[in-house]
Amino acid sequence: MQLRKLGRSDLTVPPLCFGTNVLGWTVDEKTSFALLDALLEAGLNFIDTADVYSRWVPGHGGGESETIIGNWMKARGNRARIILATKVGMEMAEDRKGLKPAYIRQACEDSLRRLQTDRIDLYQSHADDADTPQEDVLEAYDRLIEAGKIRVIGASNFSAARLSEALELSAAHGLPRYESLQPEYNLYTRSGYEAELEPLCRANEVGVISFYGLAAGFLTGKYRSERDLGKSPRGARSIARYLNERGFRILEALDTVAEDNDVAPGQVALAWLMARPGLTAPIASATSLAQLNELIAATRLMLSASDIAKLDAASA
């Protein structure tokens, strides 16, 4: 599998990143271990999580996903083989949120403990914190890098203006820079990334690991009407916004390209992302081995220029 450089860092990653917000939510620990084992066996060793996964579940406090990943790495003794990414900043409690330096340090220690490791390969600002000067945030990360607790930093859910400001501060003050960006980006949700973030990232060699690569499962073709929304816990929560004329047009194009290549629509949607210039690795998750096998197969699918043109036109 051909690896890709993440930004200007020394991290090299496969073309697909495994998202783990489902671990400890819709996937129990035993199934999580099976998914992670199969993932690593296929050479996909880039795993993304966050401290806040899955605080939204009744009775959860956050950290469930990190805990499962930590238990798995300890049980398998495979930490050295993993490119491990997690995030800080989303609200864990009223007094545990944002990017103030003291909180970043505390949250990092908490994540390290749950993950049962001494280092995080990619530590990301989960969301911008307008109340904390960006220079303070970068200085906090600098101290964690010097301490060997994190290797590289990334940003998630940043505007182009704020990411640009952060990059300028890093260059001006010799501080670590955001080597990656996590924006929402897929065949349905395009304009927010393509208008300003994409040219900024490409010009500054910032890696891109887009989330919602399958639009919460819509681009797999699983949801084609309101009757389908009850097929999973994510259905009613996330899918209804895609059920419109444009969404159906995209599904039709995915069906056509999938049939031409004898693959599933979801594989086509991910392959379209992996073929996008400047995009390092889309993030996608799975709740079963069958779903995971489709993700793995997507990394081997090479779309033709004609295939990409059809998808571009349908999703324009």
C-alpha atoms as a PDB file:
ATOM      1  CA  MET A   1       0.000   0.000   0.000  1.00  0.00           C
ATOM      2  CA  GLN A   2       1.396   3.363  -1.012  1.00  0.00           C
ATOM      3  CA  LEU A   3       1.841   5.651   1.977  1.00  0.00           C
ATOM      4  CA  ARG A   4       1.325   9.401   1.887  1.00  0.00           C
ATOM      5  CA  LYS A   5       3.225  12.100   3.740  1.00  0.00           C
ATOM      6  CA  LEU A   6       1.106  14.009   6.265  1.00  0.00           C
ATOM      7  CA  GLY A   7       1.771  17.688   5.618  1.00  0.00           C
ATOM      8  CA  ARG A   8       5.442  18.507   6.036  1.00  0.00           C
ATOM      9  CA  SER A   9       5.793  16.148   9.008  1.00  0.00           C
ATOM     10  CA  ASP A  10       7.706  12.890   9.178  1.00  0.00           C
ATOM     11  CA  LEU A  11       4.469  10.922   9.508  1.00  0.00           C
ATOM     12  CA  THR A  12       3.515   8.730   6.561  1.00  0.00           C
ATOM     13  CA  VAL A  13       0.011   7.315   6.503  1.00  0.00           C
ATOM     14  CA  PRO A  14      -2.110   5.002   4.337  1.00  0.00           C
ATOM     15  CA  PRO A  15      -4.719   6.583   2.038  1.00  0.00           C
ATOM     16  CA  LEU A  16      -7.591   5.842   4.429  1.00  0.00           C
ATOM     17  CA  CYS A  17      -7.952   6.746   8.105  1.00  0.00           C
ATOM     18  CA  PHE A  18     -10.176   4.650  10.368  1.00  0.00           C
ATOM     19  CA  GLY A  19     -12.632   6.735  12.381  1.00  0.00           C
ATOM     20  CA  THR A  20     -13.495   5.339  15.786  1.00  0.00           C
ATOM     21  CA  ASN A  21     -16.374   7.439  17.091  1.00  0.00           C
ATOM     22  CA  VAL A  22     -18.485   4.253  16.905  1.00  0.00           C
ATOM     23  CA  LEU A  23     -16.248   2.301  19.311  1.00  0.00           C
ATOM     24  CA  GLY A  24     -17.976   2.077  22.660  1.00  0.00           C
ATOM     25  CA  TRP A  25     -21.160   3.499  21.121  1.00  0.00           C
ATOM     26  CA  THR A  26     -22.653   1.229  18.458  1.00  0.00           C
ATOM     27  CA  VAL A  27     -19.735  -1.228  18.627  1.00  0.00           C
ATOM     28  CA  ASP A  28     -18.813  -3.114  21.813  1.00  0.00           C
ATOM     29  CA  GLU A  29     -15.229  -3.841  22.868  1.00  0.00           C
ATOM     30  CA  LYS A  30     -15.105  -7.387  21.515  1.00  0.00           C
ATOM     31  CA  THR A  31     -16.268  -6.301  18.060  1.00  0.00           C
ATOM     32  CA  SER A  32     -13.965  -3.278  18.214  1.00  0.00           C
ATOM     33  CA  PHE A  33     -10.980  -5.570  18.750  1.00  0.00           C
ATOM     34  CA  ALA A  34     -11.998  -7.693  15.740  1.00  0.00           C
ATOM     35  CA  LEU A  35     -12.361  -4.610  13.535  1.00  0.00           C
ATOM     36  CA  LEU A  36      -9.031  -3.159  14.633  1.00  0.00           C
ATOM     37  CA  ASP A  37      -7.268  -6.503  14.127  1.00  0.00           C
ATOM     38  CA  ALA A  38      -8.593  -6.792  10.562  1.00  0.00           C
ATOM     39  CA  LEU A  39      -7.768  -3.159   9.867  1.00  0.00           C
ATOM     40  CA  LEU A  40      -4.146  -3.564  10.889  1.00  0.00           C
ATOM     41  CA  GLU A  41      -3.808  -6.846   9.021  1.00  0.00           C
ATOM     42  CA  ALA A  42      -4.829  -4.969   5.853  1.00  0.00           C
ATOM     43  CA  GLY A  43      -2.094  -2.389   6.416  1.00  0.00           C
ATOM     44  CA  LEU A  44      -4.418   0.407   7.486  1.00  0.00           C
ATOM     45  CA  ASN A  45      -2.679   1.593  10.641  1.00  0.00           C
ATOM     46  CA  PHE A  46      -3.938   5.210  10.788  1.00  0.00           C
ATOM     47  CA  ILE A  47      -6.538   5.459  13.578  1.00  0.00           C
ATOM     48  CA  ASP A  48      -8.406   8.629  14.527  1.00  0.00           C
ATOM     49  CA  THR A  49     -10.288   9.164  17.771  1.00  0.00           C
ATOM     50  CA  ALA A  50     -11.078  11.988  20.209  1.00  0.00           C
ATOM     51  CA  ASP A  51     -11.430  12.423  23.940  1.00  0.00           C
ATOM     52  CA  VAL A  52     -15.115  13.350  23.557  1.00  0.00           C
ATOM     53  CA  TYR A  53     -16.110  10.049  21.852  1.00  0.00           C
ATOM     54  CA  SER A  54     -18.795   9.072  22.887  1.00  0.00           C
ATOM     55  CA  ARG A  55     -20.011  11.598  25.453  1.00  0.00           C
ATOM     56  CA  TRP A  56     -23.328  12.064  23.595  1.00  0.00           C
ATOM     57  CA  VAL A  57     -24.493   8.581  24.619  1.00  0.00           C
ATOM     58  CA  PRO A  58     -26.621   8.547  27.803  1.00  0.00           C
ATOM     59  CA  GLY A  59     -24.464   7.377  30.701  1.00  0.00           C
ATOM     60  CA  HIS A  60     -21.173   8.070  28.899  1.00  0.00           C
ATOM     61  CA  GLY A  61     -18.677  10.703  29.982  1.00  0.00           C
ATOM     62  CA  GLY A  62     -16.338  10.683  26.987  1.00  0.00           C
ATOM     63  CA  GLY A  63     -13.148   8.685  26.560  1.00  0.00           C
ATOM     64  CA  GLU A  64     -14.912   5.426  25.699  1.00  0.00           C
ATOM     65  CA  SER A  65     -13.309   5.145  22.256  1.00  0.00           C
ATOM     66  CA  GLU A  66      -9.821   5.993  23.528  1.00  0.00           C
ATOM     67  CA  THR A  67     -10.187   3.440  26.304  1.00  0.00           C
ATOM     68  CA  ILE A  68     -11.064   0.634  23.895  1.00  0.00           C
ATOM     69  CA  ILE A  69      -8.161   1.531  21.597  1.00  0.00           C
ATOM     70  CA  GLY A  70      -5.809   1.605  24.576  1.00  0.00           C
ATOM     71  CA  ASN A  71      -7.027  -1.783  25.776  1.00  0.00           C
ATOM     72  CA  TRP A  72      -6.569  -3.195  22.266  1.00  0.00           C
ATOM     73  CA  MET A  73      -3.024  -1.864  21.822  1.00  0.00           C
ATOM     74  CA  LYS A  74      -2.033  -3.187  25.240  1.00  0.00           C
ATOM     75  CA  ALA A  75      -3.554  -6.614  24.572  1.00  0.00           C
ATOM     76  CA  ARG A  76      -1.883  -6.884  21.166  1.00  0.00           C
ATOM     77  CA  GLY A  77       1.403  -5.149  22.006  1.00  0.00           C
ATOM     78  CA  ASN A  78       1.226  -3.287  18.711  1.00  0.00           C
ATOM     79  CA  ARG A  79       1.585   0.386  19.658  1.00  0.00           C
ATOM     80  CA  ALA A  80       4.732   0.799  17.535  1.00  0.00           C
ATOM     81  CA  ARG A  81       2.778  -0.174  14.414  1.00  0.00           C
ATOM     82  CA  ILE A  82       0.005   2.421  14.867  1.00  0.00           C
ATOM     83  CA  ILE A  83      -0.265   6.028  13.700  1.00  0.00           C
ATOM     84  CA  LEU A  84      -2.470   7.261  16.519  1.00  0.00           C
ATOM     85  CA  ALA A  85      -4.493  10.463  16.255  1.00  0.00           C
ATOM     86  CA  THR A  86      -6.754  11.996  18.870  1.00  0.00           C
ATOM     87  CA  LYS A  87      -8.253  15.392  19.621  1.00  0.00           C
ATOM     88  CA  VAL A  88      -8.834  17.934  22.364  1.00  0.00           C
ATOM     89  CA  GLY A  89     -11.224  20.838  22.775  1.00  0.00           C
ATOM     90  CA  MET A  90     -14.812  19.635  22.613  1.00  0.00           C
ATOM     91  CA  GLU A  91     -16.738  19.880  25.864  1.00  0.00           C
ATOM     92  CA  MET A  92     -16.106  16.992  28.231  1.00  0.00           C
ATOM     93  CA  ALA A  93     -17.632  18.880  31.164  1.00  0.00           C
ATOM     94  CA  GLU A  94     -18.440  22.496  31.990  1.00  0.00           C
ATOM     95  CA  ASP A  95     -14.864  23.096  33.164  1.00  0.00           C
ATOM     96  CA  ARG A  96     -13.189  20.756  30.641  1.00  0.00           C
ATOM     97  CA  LYS A  97     -13.336  22.238  27.166  1.00  0.00           C
ATOM     98  CA  GLY A  98     -11.548  24.608  24.812  1.00  0.00           C
ATOM     99  CA  LEU A  99      -7.861  25.128  24.105  1.00  0.00           C
ATOM    100  CA  LYS A 100      -6.461  27.011  27.073  1.00  0.00           C
ATOM    101  CA  PRO A 101      -2.877  25.790  27.692  1.00  0.00           C
ATOM    102  CA  ALA A 102      -3.578  24.340  31.134  1.00  0.00           C
ATOM    103  CA  TYR A 103      -6.519  22.385  29.798  1.00  0.00           C
ATOM    104  CA  ILE A 104      -4.573  21.103  26.787  1.00  0.00           C
ATOM    105  CA  ARG A 105      -1.927  19.733  29.162  1.00  0.00           C
ATOM    106  CA  GLN A 106      -4.559  18.097  31.386  1.00  0.00           C
ATOM    107  CA  ALA A 107      -6.509  16.657  28.453  1.00  0.00           C
ATOM    108  CA  CYS A 108      -3.346  15.262  26.881  1.00  0.00           C
ATOM    109  CA  GLU A 109      -2.471  13.425  30.088  1.00  0.00           C
ATOM    110  CA  ASP A 110      -6.017  12.077  30.290  1.00  0.00           C
ATOM    111  CA  SER A 111      -5.859  10.809  26.700  1.00  0.00           C
ATOM    112  CA  LEU A 112      -2.434   9.235  27.230  1.00  0.00           C
ATOM    113  CA  ARG A 113      -3.776   7.409  30.274  1.00  0.00           C
ATOM    114  CA  ARG A 114      -6.849   6.089  28.468  1.00  0.00           C
ATOM    115  CA  LEU A 115      -4.815   5.126  25.415  1.00  0.00           C
ATOM    116  CA  GLN A 116      -2.191   3.461  27.660  1.00  0.00           C
ATOM    117  CA  THR A 117       0.669   5.002  25.712  1.00  0.00           C
ATOM    118  CA  ASP A 118       3.418   7.555  26.285  1.00  0.00           C
ATOM    119  CA  ARG A 119       2.879   9.475  23.036  1.00  0.00           C
ATOM    120  CA  ILE A 120       0.251  10.633  20.571  1.00  0.00           C
ATOM    121  CA  ASP A 121       1.353  10.775  16.943  1.00  0.00           C
ATOM    122  CA  LEU A 122      -1.156  13.415  15.823  1.00  0.00           C
ATOM    123  CA  TYR A 123      -2.784  15.644  18.444  1.00  0.00           C
ATOM    124  CA  GLN A 124      -5.520  17.839  17.032  1.00  0.00           C
ATOM    125  CA  SER A 125      -7.455  20.913  18.077  1.00  0.00           C
ATOM    126  CA  HIS A 126     -10.947  19.484  17.711  1.00  0.00           C
ATOM    127  CA  ALA A 127     -12.465  22.926  17.203  1.00  0.00           C
ATOM    128  CA  ASP A 128     -11.225  26.481  17.154  1.00  0.00           C
ATOM    129  CA  ASP A 129     -11.255  28.356  20.465  1.00  0.00           C
ATOM    130  CA  ALA A 130     -11.828  32.046  19.731  1.00  0.00           C
ATOM    131  CA  ASP A 131     -11.360  32.930  23.418  1.00  0.00           C
ATOM    132  CA  THR A 132      -7.752  31.696  23.564  1.00  0.00           C
ATOM    133  CA  PRO A 133      -4.949  33.380  21.587  1.00  0.00           C
ATOM    134  CA  GLN A 134      -3.669  30.977  18.948  1.00  0.00           C
ATOM    135  CA  GLU A 135      -0.079  31.704  19.918  1.00  0.00           C
ATOM    136  CA  ASP A 136      -0.842  30.420  23.440  1.00  0.00           C
ATOM    137  CA  VAL A 137      -2.338  27.249  21.974  1.00  0.00           C
ATOM    138  CA  LEU A 138       0.683  26.614  19.758  1.00  0.00           C
ATOM    139  CA  GLU A 139       3.078  27.258  22.639  1.00  0.00           C
ATOM    140  CA  ALA A 140       1.212  24.661  24.732  1.00  0.00           C
ATOM    141  CA  TYR A 141       1.616  22.137  21.941  1.00  0.00           C
ATOM    142  CA  ASP A 142       5.282  23.086  21.611  1.00  0.00           C
ATOM    143  CA  ARG A 143       5.889  22.140  25.247  1.00  0.00           C
ATOM    144  CA  LEU A 144       4.125  18.804  24.778  1.00  0.00           C
ATOM    145  CA  ILE A 145       6.247  18.075  21.708  1.00  0.00           C
ATOM    146  CA  GLU A 146       9.425  18.940  23.633  1.00  0.00           C
ATOM    147  CA  ALA A 147       8.280  16.571  26.379  1.00  0.00           C
ATOM    148  CA  GLY A 148       7.859  13.787  23.822  1.00  0.00           C
ATOM    149  CA  LYS A 149       4.135  13.397  24.544  1.00  0.00           C
ATOM    150  CA  ILE A 150       2.960  14.369  21.069  1.00  0.00           C
ATOM    151  CA  ARG A 151       4.727  14.286  17.718  1.00  0.00           C
ATOM    152  CA  VAL A 152       2.669  16.391  15.309  1.00  0.00           C
ATOM    153  CA  ILE A 153      -0.338  18.712  15.642  1.00  0.00           C
ATOM    154  CA  GLY A 154      -3.405  19.144  13.491  1.00  0.00           C
ATOM    155  CA  ALA A 155      -6.570  21.239  13.356  1.00  0.00           C
ATOM    156  CA  SER A 156     -10.202  20.263  12.931  1.00  0.00           C
ATOM    157  CA  ASN A 157     -13.230  22.409  12.088  1.00  0.00           C
ATOM    158  CA  PHE A 158     -11.130  25.538  11.480  1.00  0.00           C
ATOM    159  CA  SER A 159     -12.077  28.304   9.072  1.00  0.00           C
ATOM    160  CA  ALA A 160      -9.591  29.217   6.357  1.00  0.00           C
ATOM    161  CA  ALA A 161      -8.933  32.559   8.032  1.00  0.00           C
ATOM    162  CA  ARG A 162      -8.113  31.035  11.406  1.00  0.00           C
ATOM    163  CA  LEU A 163      -5.987  28.250   9.935  1.00  0.00           C
ATOM    164  CA  SER A 164      -4.074  30.817   7.882  1.00  0.00           C
ATOM    165  CA  GLU A 165      -3.504  32.920  11.001  1.00  0.00           C
ATOM    166  CA  ALA A 166      -2.199  29.884  12.895  1.00  0.00           C
ATOM    167  CA  LEU A 167       0.199  28.992  10.078  1.00  0.00           C
ATOM    168  CA  GLU A 168       1.516  32.546   9.981  1.00  0.00           C
ATOM    169  CA  LEU A 169       2.077  32.561  13.766  1.00  0.00           C
ATOM    170  CA  SER A 170       3.940  29.265  13.575  1.00  0.00           C
ATOM    171  CA  ALA A 171       6.262  30.614  10.887  1.00  0.00           C
ATOM    172  CA  ALA A 172       6.817  33.947  12.610  1.00  0.00           C
ATOM    173  CA  HIS A 173       7.555  32.560  16.086  1.00  0.00           C
ATOM    174  CA  GLY A 174       9.181  29.219  15.329  1.00  0.00           C
ATOM    175  CA  LEU A 175       6.280  27.289  16.802  1.00  0.00           C
ATOM    176  CA  PRO A 176       4.964  23.907  15.635  1.00  0.00           C
ATOM    177  CA  ARG A 177       2.459  24.263  12.841  1.00  0.00           C
ATOM    178  CA  TYR A 178      -0.745  22.447  12.084  1.00  0.00           C
ATOM    179  CA  GLU A 179       0.357  19.705   9.686  1.00  0.00           C
ATOM    180  CA  SER A 180      -3.161  18.507   9.001  1.00  0.00           C
ATOM    181  CA  LEU A 181      -6.723  19.736   8.785  1.00  0.00           C
ATOM    182  CA  GLN A 182      -9.908  17.770   9.430  1.00  0.00           C
ATOM    183  CA  PRO A 183     -12.743  19.367   7.467  1.00  0.00           C
ATOM    184  CA  GLU A 184     -16.120  17.889   6.627  1.00  0.00           C
ATOM    185  CA  TYR A 185     -15.824  16.839   2.992  1.00  0.00           C
ATOM    186  CA  ASN A 186     -17.484  14.285   0.763  1.00  0.00           C
ATOM    187  CA  LEU A 187     -19.323  14.017  -2.532  1.00  0.00           C
ATOM    188  CA  TYR A 188     -22.344  15.779  -1.049  1.00  0.00           C
ATOM    189  CA  THR A 189     -20.632  18.376   1.148  1.00  0.00           C
ATOM    190  CA  ARG A 190     -18.090  20.073  -1.107  1.00  0.00           C
ATOM    191  CA  SER A 191     -18.273  23.858  -1.186  1.00  0.00           C
ATOM    192  CA  GLY A 192     -17.168  24.584   2.390  1.00  0.00           C
ATOM    193  CA  TYR A 193     -13.837  22.873   1.808  1.00  0.00           C
ATOM    194  CA  GLU A 194     -13.226  23.548  -1.857  1.00  0.00           C
ATOM    195  CA  ALA A 195     -13.843  27.314  -1.778  1.00  0.00           C
ATOM    196  CA  GLU A 196     -11.110  28.415   0.648  1.00  0.00           C
ATOM    197  CA  LEU A 197      -9.681  25.564   2.694  1.00  0.00           C
ATOM    198  CA  GLU A 198      -8.511  23.404  -0.195  1.00  0.00           C
ATOM    199  CA  PRO A 199      -6.379  26.093  -1.902  1.00  0.00           C
ATOM    200  CA  LEU A 200      -4.962  27.167   1.471  1.00  0.00           C
ATOM    201  CA  CYS A 201      -3.979  23.614   2.426  1.00  0.00           C
ATOM    202  CA  ARG A 202      -2.463  22.853  -0.959  1.00  0.00           C
ATOM    203  CA  ALA A 203      -0.469  26.099  -1.027  1.00  0.00           C
ATOM    204  CA  ASN A 204       0.905  25.445   2.473  1.00  0.00           C
ATOM    205  CA  GLU A 205       1.317  21.663   2.181  1.00  0.00           C
ATOM    206  CA  VAL A 206      -1.121  20.973   4.990  1.00  0.00           C
ATOM    207  CA  GLY A 207      -2.387  17.401   4.947  1.00  0.00           C
ATOM    208  CA  VAL A 208      -6.141  16.848   4.804  1.00  0.00           C
ATOM    209  CA  ILE A 209      -7.944  14.029   6.610  1.00  0.00           C
ATOM    210  CA  SER A 210     -11.582  14.736   5.866  1.00  0.00           C
ATOM    211  CA  PHE A 211     -14.373  13.473   8.099  1.00  0.00           C
ATOM    212  CA  TYR A 212     -17.866  12.286   7.116  1.00  0.00           C
ATOM    213  CA  GLY A 213     -16.258  10.666   4.063  1.00  0.00           C
ATOM    214  CA  LEU A 214     -19.417   8.607   3.533  1.00  0.00           C
ATOM    215  CA  ALA A 215     -21.800  11.346   4.720  1.00  0.00           C
ATOM    216  CA  ALA A 216     -22.751   9.324   7.815  1.00  0.00           C
ATOM    217  CA  GLY A 217     -23.448   6.321   5.572  1.00  0.00           C
ATOM    218  CA  PHE A 218     -25.679   8.057   3.024  1.00  0.00           C
ATOM    219  CA  LEU A 219     -23.131   7.609   0.224  1.00  0.00           C
ATOM    220  CA  THR A 220     -23.154   3.832   0.698  1.00  0.00           C
ATOM    221  CA  GLY A 221     -26.658   3.819  -0.753  1.00  0.00           C
ATOM    222  CA  LYS A 222     -28.106   2.397   2.444  1.00  0.00           C
ATOM    223  CA  TYR A 223     -30.522   5.291   2.896  1.00  0.00           C
ATOM    224  CA  ARG A 224     -32.702   6.094  -0.124  1.00  0.00           C
ATOM    225  CA  SER A 225     -35.931   7.302   1.491  1.00  0.00           C
ATOM    226  CA  GLU A 226     -37.283   8.427   4.852  1.00  0.00           C
ATOM    227  CA  ARG A 227     -38.350   4.831   5.465  1.00  0.00           C
ATOM    228  CA  ASP A 228     -34.668   3.900   5.657  1.00  0.00           C
ATOM    229  CA  LEU A 229     -33.810   6.328   8.461  1.00  0.00           C
ATOM    230  CA  GLY A 230     -34.513   3.741  11.129  1.00  0.00           C
ATOM    231  CA  LYS A 231     -31.833   1.372   9.813  1.00  0.00           C
ATOM    232  CA  SER A 232     -29.247   2.609  12.322  1.00  0.00           C
ATOM    233  CA  PRO A 233     -28.890   4.956  15.316  1.00  0.00           C
ATOM    234  CA  ARG A 234     -27.250   7.466  12.964  1.00  0.00           C
ATOM    235  CA  GLY A 235     -30.142   7.449  10.501  1.00  0.00           C
ATOM    236  CA  ALA A 236     -32.647   9.849  11.966  1.00  0.00           C
ATOM    237  CA  ARG A 237     -29.818  11.804  13.587  1.00  0.00           C
ATOM    238  CA  SER A 238     -27.766  12.585  10.487  1.00  0.00           C
ATOM    239  CA  ILE A 239     -29.163  11.362   7.184  1.00  0.00           C
ATOM    240  CA  ALA A 240     -32.400  13.283   6.576  1.00  0.00           C
ATOM    241  CA  ARG A 241     -30.550  16.361   5.263  1.00  0.00           C
ATOM    242  CA  TYR A 242     -29.229  14.360   2.284  1.00  0.00           C
ATOM    243  CA  LEU A 243     -32.626  13.091   1.104  1.00  0.00           C
ATOM    244  CA  ASN A 244     -33.260  15.628  -1.641  1.00  0.00           C
ATOM    245  CA  GLU A 245     -32.949  15.974  -5.408  1.00  0.00           C
ATOM    246  CA  ARG A 246     -29.209  16.582  -5.330  1.00  0.00           C
ATOM    247  CA  GLY A 247     -28.603  13.697  -2.954  1.00  0.00           C
ATOM    248  CA  PHE A 248     -30.544  11.303  -5.166  1.00  0.00           C
ATOM    249  CA  ARG A 249     -28.622  12.544  -8.216  1.00  0.00           C
ATOM    250  CA  ILE A 250     -25.336  11.748  -6.455  1.00  0.00           C
ATOM    251  CA  LEU A 251     -26.574   8.273  -5.513  1.00  0.00           C
ATOM    252  CA  GLU A 252     -27.545   7.641  -9.138  1.00  0.00           C
ATOM    253  CA  ALA A 253     -24.029   8.574 -10.299  1.00  0.00           C
ATOM    254  CA  LEU A 254     -22.485   6.410  -7.580  1.00  0.00           C
ATOM    255  CA  ASP A 255     -24.664   3.486  -8.666  1.00  0.00           C
ATOM    256  CA  THR A 256     -23.562   3.902 -12.278  1.00  0.00           C
ATOM    257  CA  VAL A 257     -19.843   4.120 -11.516  1.00  0.00           C
ATOM    258  CA  ALA A 258     -20.098   1.277  -8.986  1.00  0.00           C
ATOM    259  CA  GLU A 259     -21.771  -0.977 -11.547  1.00  0.00           C
ATOM    260  CA  ASP A 260     -19.159  -0.104 -14.182  1.00  0.00           C
ATOM    261  CA  ASN A 261     -16.372  -1.087 -11.754  1.00  0.00           C
ATOM    262  CA  ASP A 262     -18.199  -4.026 -10.131  1.00  0.00           C
ATOM    263  CA  VAL A 263     -17.889  -2.513  -6.651  1.00  0.00           C
ATOM    264  CA  ALA A 264     -20.185  -0.989  -4.025  1.00  0.00           C
ATOM    265  CA  PRO A 265     -21.245   2.697  -4.077  1.00  0.00           C
ATOM    266  CA  GLY A 266     -19.481   3.443  -0.792  1.00  0.00           C
ATOM    267  CA  GLN A 267     -16.179   2.248  -2.222  1.00  0.00           C
ATOM    268  CA  VAL A 268     -16.621   4.656  -5.126  1.00  0.00           C
ATOM    269  CA  ALA A 269     -17.370   7.568  -2.788  1.00  0.00           C
ATOM    270  CA  LEU A 270     -14.165   6.925  -0.831  1.00  0.00           C
ATOM    271  CA  ALA A 271     -12.077   6.331  -3.959  1.00  0.00           C
ATOM    272  CA  TRP A 272     -13.263   9.717  -5.279  1.00  0.00           C
ATOM    273  CA  LEU A 273     -11.927  11.337  -2.106  1.00  0.00           C
ATOM    274  CA  MET A 274      -8.628   9.439  -2.212  1.00  0.00           C
ATOM    275  CA  ALA A 275      -8.110  10.615  -5.796  1.00  0.00           C
ATOM    276  CA  ARG A 276      -8.615  14.275  -4.886  1.00  0.00           C
ATOM    277  CA  PRO A 277      -5.327  16.227  -5.199  1.00  0.00           C
ATOM    278  CA  GLY A 278      -4.141  17.466  -1.810  1.00  0.00           C
ATOM    279  CA  LEU A 279      -6.375  15.126   0.193  1.00  0.00           C
ATOM    280  CA  THR A 280      -4.224  12.810   2.309  1.00  0.00           C
ATOM    281  CA  ALA A 281      -6.727  10.321   3.711  1.00  0.00           C
ATOM    282  CA  PRO A 282     -10.496  10.425   4.174  1.00  0.00           C
ATOM    283  CA  ILE A 283     -11.834   9.170   7.490  1.00  0.00           C
ATOM    284  CA  ALA A 284     -14.426   6.400   7.471  1.00  0.00           C
ATOM    285  CA  SER A 285     -15.743   4.068  10.147  1.00  0.00           C
ATOM    286  CA  ALA A 286     -17.285   0.612  10.204  1.00  0.00           C
ATOM    287  CA  THR A 287     -19.422  -1.307  12.652  1.00  0.00           C
ATOM    288  CA  SER A 288     -18.969  -4.778  11.134  1.00  0.00           C
ATOM    289  CA  LEU A 289     -16.293  -6.780   9.348  1.00  0.00           C
ATOM    290  CA  ALA A 290     -18.384  -6.666   6.162  1.00  0.00           C
ATOM    291  CA  GLN A 291     -18.376  -2.867   6.253  1.00  0.00           C
ATOM    292  CA  LEU A 292     -14.670  -2.829   7.054  1.00  0.00           C
ATOM    293  CA  ASN A 293     -13.898  -5.054   4.082  1.00  0.00           C
ATOM    294  CA  GLU A 294     -15.605  -2.494   1.846  1.00  0.00           C
ATOM    295  CA  LEU A 295     -13.382   0.257   3.263  1.00  0.00           C
ATOM    296  CA  ILE A 296     -10.301  -1.863   2.653  1.00  0.00           C
ATOM    297  CA  ALA A 297     -11.414  -2.631  -0.914  1.00  0.00           C
ATOM    298  CA  ALA A 298     -11.904   1.099  -1.554  1.00  0.00           C
ATOM    299  CA  THR A 299      -8.165   1.672  -1.092  1.00  0.00           C
ATOM    300  CA  ARG A 300      -7.535  -0.578  -4.098  1.00  0.00           C
ATOM    301  CA  LEU A 301     -10.069   1.079  -6.404  1.00  0.00           C
ATOM    302  CA  MET A 302      -8.619   3.402  -9.036  1.00  0.00           C
ATOM    303  CA  LEU A 303     -11.316   5.484 -10.693  1.00  0.00           C
ATOM    304  CA  SER A 304     -10.918   6.561 -14.306  1.00  0.00           C
ATOM    305  CA  ALA A 305     -11.001  10.210 -15.357  1.00  0.00           C
ATOM    306  CA  SER A 306     -14.439   9.515 -16.827  1.00  0.00           C
ATOM    307  CA  ASP A 307     -15.678   8.074 -13.525  1.00  0.00           C
ATOM    308  CA  ILE A 308     -14.471  11.131 -11.617  1.00  0.00           C
ATOM    309  CA  ALA A 309     -16.037  13.493 -14.171  1.00  0.00           C
ATOM    310  CA  LYS A 310     -19.439  11.771 -13.742  1.00  0.00           C
ATOM    311  CA  LEU A 311     -19.250  12.108  -9.971  1.00  0.00           C
ATOM    312  CA  ASP A 312     -18.053  15.710 -10.156  1.00  0.00           C
ATOM    313  CA  ALA A 313     -20.955  16.640 -12.442  1.00  0.00           C
ATOM    314  CA  ALA A 314     -23.578  14.919 -10.310  1.00  0.00           C
ATOM    315  CA  SER A 315     -22.342  16.508  -7.095  1.00  0.00           C
ATOM    316  CA  ALA A 316     -21.509  19.982  -8.445  1.00  0.00           C
END
